[in-house]
Amino acid sequence: MVTSIIKTTYYICTVIQQATFLFISGAEIAFILFIAIMVFGADKLPEIARGLGKGMRTLKDATNDIKHEITKTAEKNGLDTSIAKDVKKELDRVKDDIEDFTGSVKRKF
């Protein structure tokens, strides 16, 4: 039992060390997870994560509903919504240009 927990923890740490999330290194993420387990306990952690997931899903659904309602109202009142699509296309083009430029800079280092 203990060896399987140690192996699982080692595997999680090695996976986390390879990834960075929001400029937080893998070791820092592992430390935060360790503290969370110590504070809340291993039995409460899945319940907390499930609650956070449901809350995030509810927030995302509410945001999508608001966007849909605004778009529907704008189209119903005859407002031109293609402007937003044009701006999004232009922003995507600029983003791609910046990524192309920074890609060549990153390769030089």
N, C-alpha and C. Protein backbone atom coordinates (compact mmCIF):
# COMPACT_ATOMS: atom_id res chain seq x y z
N MET A 1 0.83 -1.19 0.00
CA MET A 1 0.00 0.00 0.00
C MET A 1 0.87 1.25 0.00
N VAL A 2 1.82 1.31 0.92
CA VAL A 2 2.69 2.48 1.02
C VAL A 2 3.56 2.63 -0.22
N THR A 3 4.06 1.51 -0.75
CA THR A 3 4.91 1.59 -1.94
C THR A 3 4.12 2.07 -3.15
N SER A 4 2.84 1.70 -3.26
CA SER A 4 2.04 2.19 -4.39
C SER A 4 1.78 3.68 -4.26
N ILE A 5 1.59 4.17 -3.04
CA ILE A 5 1.41 5.61 -2.83
C ILE A 5 2.70 6.35 -3.17
N ILE A 6 3.83 5.81 -2.78
CA ILE A 6 5.12 6.44 -3.08
C ILE A 6 5.36 6.47 -4.59
N LYS A 7 5.06 5.34 -5.26
CA LYS A 7 5.24 5.30 -6.71
C LYS A 7 4.32 6.29 -7.41
N THR A 8 3.08 6.37 -6.97
CA THR A 8 2.12 7.31 -7.56
C THR A 8 2.58 8.74 -7.34
N THR A 9 3.03 9.04 -6.13
CA THR A 9 3.51 10.38 -5.82
C THR A 9 4.73 10.71 -6.66
N TYR A 10 5.64 9.77 -6.82
CA TYR A 10 6.83 9.99 -7.65
C TYR A 10 6.44 10.25 -9.09
N TYR A 11 5.50 9.46 -9.62
CA TYR A 11 5.05 9.65 -11.00
C TYR A 11 4.41 11.02 -11.18
N ILE A 12 3.56 11.42 -10.25
CA ILE A 12 2.90 12.74 -10.33
C ILE A 12 3.95 13.84 -10.28
N CYS A 13 4.92 13.71 -9.41
CA CYS A 13 5.97 14.74 -9.30
C CYS A 13 6.79 14.84 -10.58
N THR A 14 7.11 13.71 -11.22
CA THR A 14 7.89 13.77 -12.45
C THR A 14 7.08 14.39 -13.58
N VAL A 15 5.79 14.12 -13.63
CA VAL A 15 4.94 14.73 -14.66
C VAL A 15 4.81 16.22 -14.40
N ILE A 16 4.63 16.58 -13.15
CA ILE A 16 4.47 17.99 -12.81
C ILE A 16 5.75 18.77 -13.05
N GLN A 17 6.90 18.16 -12.82
CA GLN A 17 8.16 18.86 -13.02
C GLN A 17 8.37 19.25 -14.47
N GLN A 18 7.79 18.50 -15.40
CA GLN A 18 7.97 18.79 -16.80
C GLN A 18 7.06 19.91 -17.27
N ALA A 19 6.02 20.21 -16.56
CA ALA A 19 5.05 21.21 -16.99
C ALA A 19 5.17 22.47 -16.14
N THR A 20 4.90 23.59 -16.76
CA THR A 20 4.78 24.83 -16.01
C THR A 20 3.40 25.39 -16.31
N PHE A 21 2.75 25.90 -15.29
CA PHE A 21 1.40 26.40 -15.41
C PHE A 21 1.36 27.77 -14.75
N LEU A 22 1.06 28.78 -15.53
CA LEU A 22 0.97 30.15 -15.03
C LEU A 22 2.27 30.57 -14.34
N PHE A 23 3.39 30.22 -14.94
CA PHE A 23 4.71 30.57 -14.45
C PHE A 23 5.00 29.97 -13.08
N ILE A 24 4.37 28.85 -12.79
CA ILE A 24 4.63 28.12 -11.56
C ILE A 24 5.33 26.83 -11.96
N SER A 25 6.45 26.55 -11.36
CA SER A 25 7.19 25.35 -11.73
C SER A 25 6.52 24.10 -11.16
N GLY A 26 6.97 22.97 -11.65
CA GLY A 26 6.40 21.70 -11.20
C GLY A 26 6.60 21.45 -9.73
N ALA A 27 7.76 21.82 -9.22
CA ALA A 27 8.04 21.63 -7.80
C ALA A 27 7.09 22.47 -6.94
N GLU A 28 6.81 23.68 -7.39
CA GLU A 28 5.90 24.55 -6.64
C GLU A 28 4.48 24.00 -6.65
N ILE A 29 4.05 23.45 -7.79
CA ILE A 29 2.73 22.84 -7.87
C ILE A 29 2.65 21.63 -6.94
N ALA A 30 3.69 20.81 -6.94
CA ALA A 30 3.72 19.64 -6.06
C ALA A 30 3.67 20.07 -4.59
N PHE A 31 4.38 21.13 -4.25
CA PHE A 31 4.37 21.63 -2.87
C PHE A 31 2.97 22.13 -2.49
N ILE A 32 2.31 22.84 -3.39
CA ILE A 32 0.96 23.33 -3.12
C ILE A 32 0.00 22.16 -2.94
N LEU A 33 0.12 21.13 -3.78
CA LEU A 33 -0.72 19.94 -3.63
C LEU A 33 -0.45 19.24 -2.29
N PHE A 34 0.80 19.16 -1.91
CA PHE A 34 1.17 18.54 -0.63
C PHE A 34 0.53 19.29 0.54
N ILE A 35 0.62 20.62 0.51
CA ILE A 35 0.02 21.43 1.57
C ILE A 35 -1.50 21.26 1.58
N ALA A 36 -2.12 21.22 0.38
CA ALA A 36 -3.57 21.04 0.31
C ALA A 36 -3.98 19.70 0.91
N ILE A 37 -3.22 18.66 0.63
CA ILE A 37 -3.52 17.34 1.20
C ILE A 37 -3.36 17.36 2.71
N MET A 38 -2.33 18.05 3.20
CA MET A 38 -2.10 18.12 4.64
C MET A 38 -3.21 18.92 5.34
N VAL A 39 -3.68 19.99 4.72
CA VAL A 39 -4.69 20.83 5.36
C VAL A 39 -6.07 20.19 5.30
N PHE A 40 -6.48 19.74 4.10
CA PHE A 40 -7.85 19.24 3.93
C PHE A 40 -7.98 17.74 4.10
N GLY A 41 -6.91 17.02 3.94
CA GLY A 41 -6.96 15.57 4.04
C GLY A 41 -7.27 14.95 2.68
N ALA A 42 -6.77 13.75 2.49
CA ALA A 42 -6.91 13.08 1.20
C ALA A 42 -8.36 12.71 0.90
N ASP A 43 -9.17 12.50 1.92
CA ASP A 43 -10.55 12.12 1.67
C ASP A 43 -11.43 13.31 1.27
N LYS A 44 -11.09 14.51 1.69
CA LYS A 44 -11.88 15.70 1.36
C LYS A 44 -11.45 16.36 0.06
N LEU A 45 -10.22 16.11 -0.40
CA LEU A 45 -9.70 16.79 -1.58
C LEU A 45 -10.51 16.52 -2.84
N PRO A 46 -10.91 15.28 -3.15
CA PRO A 46 -11.75 15.08 -4.35
C PRO A 46 -13.09 15.80 -4.27
N GLU A 47 -13.66 15.87 -3.08
CA GLU A 47 -14.93 16.57 -2.90
C GLU A 47 -14.76 18.07 -3.16
N ILE A 48 -13.67 18.64 -2.69
CA ILE A 48 -13.39 20.05 -2.92
C ILE A 48 -13.16 20.31 -4.40
N ALA A 49 -12.38 19.45 -5.04
CA ALA A 49 -12.10 19.62 -6.48
C ALA A 49 -13.39 19.49 -7.29
N ARG A 50 -14.26 18.57 -6.92
CA ARG A 50 -15.53 18.39 -7.61
C ARG A 50 -16.40 19.65 -7.47
N GLY A 51 -16.42 20.22 -6.28
CA GLY A 51 -17.19 21.45 -6.06
C GLY A 51 -16.64 22.61 -6.87
N LEU A 52 -15.30 22.73 -6.91
CA LEU A 52 -14.69 23.78 -7.72
C LEU A 52 -14.99 23.58 -9.21
N GLY A 53 -14.96 22.34 -9.66
CA GLY A 53 -15.26 22.04 -11.05
C GLY A 53 -16.69 22.41 -11.41
N LYS A 54 -17.63 22.08 -10.53
CA LYS A 54 -19.02 22.43 -10.78
C LYS A 54 -19.22 23.93 -10.80
N GLY A 55 -18.54 24.62 -9.89
CA GLY A 55 -18.64 26.09 -9.86
C GLY A 55 -18.09 26.72 -11.13
N MET A 56 -16.95 26.20 -11.60
CA MET A 56 -16.36 26.73 -12.83
C MET A 56 -17.26 26.44 -14.02
N ARG A 57 -17.87 25.26 -14.05
CA ARG A 57 -18.78 24.92 -15.15
C ARG A 57 -20.01 25.82 -15.13
N THR A 58 -20.56 26.10 -13.95
CA THR A 58 -21.70 26.99 -13.84
C THR A 58 -21.35 28.39 -14.33
N LEU A 59 -20.17 28.86 -13.96
CA LEU A 59 -19.73 30.18 -14.40
C LEU A 59 -19.56 30.22 -15.91
N LYS A 60 -18.98 29.18 -16.49
CA LYS A 60 -18.80 29.12 -17.94
C LYS A 60 -20.15 29.09 -18.65
N ASP A 61 -21.09 28.30 -18.15
CA ASP A 61 -22.42 28.24 -18.75
C ASP A 61 -23.13 29.58 -18.68
N ALA A 62 -23.02 30.26 -17.54
CA ALA A 62 -23.64 31.57 -17.39
C ALA A 62 -23.04 32.58 -18.36
N THR A 63 -21.72 32.54 -18.52
CA THR A 63 -21.04 33.44 -19.46
C THR A 63 -21.49 33.17 -20.89
N ASN A 64 -21.58 31.90 -21.26
CA ASN A 64 -22.04 31.56 -22.61
C ASN A 64 -23.49 31.98 -22.83
N ASP A 65 -24.34 31.84 -21.82
CA ASP A 65 -25.73 32.28 -21.94
C ASP A 65 -25.82 33.79 -22.15
N ILE A 66 -25.01 34.54 -21.41
CA ILE A 66 -25.00 35.99 -21.56
C ILE A 66 -24.53 36.39 -22.95
N LYS A 67 -23.46 35.75 -23.44
CA LYS A 67 -22.96 36.04 -24.78
C LYS A 67 -24.03 35.74 -25.83
N HIS A 68 -24.68 34.60 -25.68
CA HIS A 68 -25.71 34.20 -26.64
C HIS A 68 -26.87 35.20 -26.62
N GLU A 69 -27.28 35.62 -25.44
CA GLU A 69 -28.39 36.57 -25.31
C GLU A 69 -28.03 37.92 -25.92
N ILE A 70 -26.82 38.38 -25.70
CA ILE A 70 -26.39 39.66 -26.28
C ILE A 70 -26.36 39.57 -27.80
N THR A 71 -25.82 38.48 -28.33
CA THR A 71 -25.76 38.29 -29.78
C THR A 71 -27.16 38.22 -30.37
N LYS A 72 -28.05 37.47 -29.71
CA LYS A 72 -29.42 37.33 -30.21
C LYS A 72 -30.15 38.67 -30.19
N THR A 73 -29.97 39.45 -29.14
CA THR A 73 -30.61 40.76 -29.05
C THR A 73 -30.06 41.71 -30.10
N ALA A 74 -28.75 41.67 -30.32
CA ALA A 74 -28.13 42.54 -31.33
C ALA A 74 -28.66 42.20 -32.73
N GLU A 75 -28.74 40.93 -33.04
CA GLU A 75 -29.26 40.52 -34.35
C GLU A 75 -30.74 40.87 -34.50
N LYS A 76 -31.49 40.74 -33.42
CA LYS A 76 -32.93 41.05 -33.43
C LYS A 76 -33.16 42.54 -33.68
N ASN A 77 -32.27 43.38 -33.14
CA ASN A 77 -32.41 44.84 -33.31
C ASN A 77 -31.70 45.35 -34.56
N GLY A 78 -31.15 44.46 -35.35
CA GLY A 78 -30.54 44.86 -36.61
C GLY A 78 -29.13 45.40 -36.49
N LEU A 79 -28.46 45.14 -35.37
CA LEU A 79 -27.08 45.60 -35.21
C LEU A 79 -26.15 44.65 -35.96
N ASP A 80 -25.08 45.21 -36.50
CA ASP A 80 -24.13 44.42 -37.27
C ASP A 80 -23.16 43.73 -36.31
N THR A 81 -23.24 42.42 -36.24
CA THR A 81 -22.35 41.65 -35.37
C THR A 81 -21.12 41.15 -36.10
N SER A 82 -21.04 41.40 -37.39
CA SER A 82 -19.88 40.94 -38.16
C SER A 82 -18.63 41.73 -37.80
N ILE A 83 -18.80 42.90 -37.19
CA ILE A 83 -17.64 43.70 -36.78
C ILE A 83 -16.81 42.93 -35.77
N ALA A 84 -17.47 42.29 -34.84
CA ALA A 84 -16.75 41.51 -33.83
C ALA A 84 -15.99 40.36 -34.49
N LYS A 85 -16.58 39.74 -35.50
CA LYS A 85 -15.91 38.65 -36.20
C LYS A 85 -14.69 39.17 -36.95
N ASP A 86 -14.83 40.35 -37.57
CA ASP A 86 -13.70 40.95 -38.29
C ASP A 86 -12.55 41.30 -37.34
N VAL A 87 -12.89 41.84 -36.18
CA VAL A 87 -11.87 42.19 -35.19
C VAL A 87 -11.18 40.92 -34.70
N LYS A 88 -11.96 39.86 -34.46
CA LYS A 88 -11.37 38.60 -34.00
C LYS A 88 -10.43 38.03 -35.06
N LYS A 89 -10.80 38.09 -36.33
CA LYS A 89 -9.93 37.61 -37.39
C LYS A 89 -8.63 38.41 -37.43
N GLU A 90 -8.73 39.72 -37.30
CA GLU A 90 -7.53 40.57 -37.32
C GLU A 90 -6.63 40.29 -36.12
N LEU A 91 -7.24 40.11 -34.95
CA LEU A 91 -6.45 39.79 -33.76
C LEU A 91 -5.76 38.44 -33.90
N ASP A 92 -6.46 37.47 -34.47
CA ASP A 92 -5.84 36.16 -34.69
C ASP A 92 -4.67 36.26 -35.66
N ARG A 93 -4.82 37.09 -36.69
CA ARG A 93 -3.73 37.26 -37.66
C ARG A 93 -2.52 37.90 -36.99
N VAL A 94 -2.74 38.92 -36.18
CA VAL A 94 -1.64 39.58 -35.47
C VAL A 94 -1.00 38.61 -34.49
N LYS A 95 -1.81 37.82 -33.80
CA LYS A 95 -1.29 36.83 -32.85
C LYS A 95 -0.40 35.82 -33.58
N ASP A 96 -0.84 35.36 -34.74
CA ASP A 96 -0.03 34.42 -35.52
C ASP A 96 1.28 35.05 -35.97
N ASP A 97 1.24 36.33 -36.38
CA ASP A 97 2.46 37.02 -36.78
C ASP A 97 3.44 37.13 -35.61
N ILE A 98 2.92 37.44 -34.45
CA ILE A 98 3.78 37.56 -33.26
C ILE A 98 4.37 36.21 -32.90
N GLU A 99 3.57 35.14 -33.00
CA GLU A 99 4.07 33.81 -32.68
C GLU A 99 5.15 33.39 -33.68
N ASP A 100 4.96 33.75 -34.95
CA ASP A 100 5.98 33.44 -35.95
C ASP A 100 7.29 34.16 -35.62
N PHE A 101 7.18 35.42 -35.24
CA PHE A 101 8.38 36.21 -34.90
C PHE A 101 9.05 35.67 -33.65
N THR A 102 8.28 35.44 -32.60
CA THR A 102 8.89 34.98 -31.35
C THR A 102 9.40 33.55 -31.49
N GLY A 103 8.81 32.76 -32.38
CA GLY A 103 9.31 31.41 -32.60
C GLY A 103 10.73 31.42 -33.12
N SER A 104 11.02 32.33 -34.05
CA SER A 104 12.38 32.41 -34.58
C SER A 104 13.34 32.94 -33.52
N VAL A 105 12.86 33.85 -32.67
CA VAL A 105 13.72 34.37 -31.59
C VAL A 105 14.00 33.27 -30.58
N LYS A 106 13.00 32.48 -30.23
CA LYS A 106 13.19 31.40 -29.26
C LYS A 106 14.16 30.36 -29.76
N ARG A 107 14.11 30.05 -31.06
CA ARG A 107 15.01 29.04 -31.62
C ARG A 107 16.47 29.49 -31.58
N LYS A 108 16.71 30.81 -31.65
CA LYS A 108 18.09 31.30 -31.64
C LYS A 108 18.72 31.13 -30.27
N PHE A 109 17.94 31.12 -29.21
CA PHE A 109 18.49 30.96 -27.88
C PHE A 109 18.63 29.50 -27.63
